[in-house]
């Protein structure tokens, strides 16, 4: 997983690649690094996208990390 999650495709791909047991560590790490808000904001923006695939991937990513 890339150290710097900069765009929504990278963010979604990183979240999709997480094993179930790694989700909590992902959330904790990004809270500690003060990046979780930016990640969730990016995914929330994508849930409003007119691109159905982008919207669904963002919703799935938010669900996977426990925000939906």
Foldseek 3Di string as FASTA:
>chain_A
DDPDDDALVSLLVVLVPDDLVCLVVVCVVCVVVVNPVVNLVRLVVQCPDPPPVSNVSSVVSCVSNPND
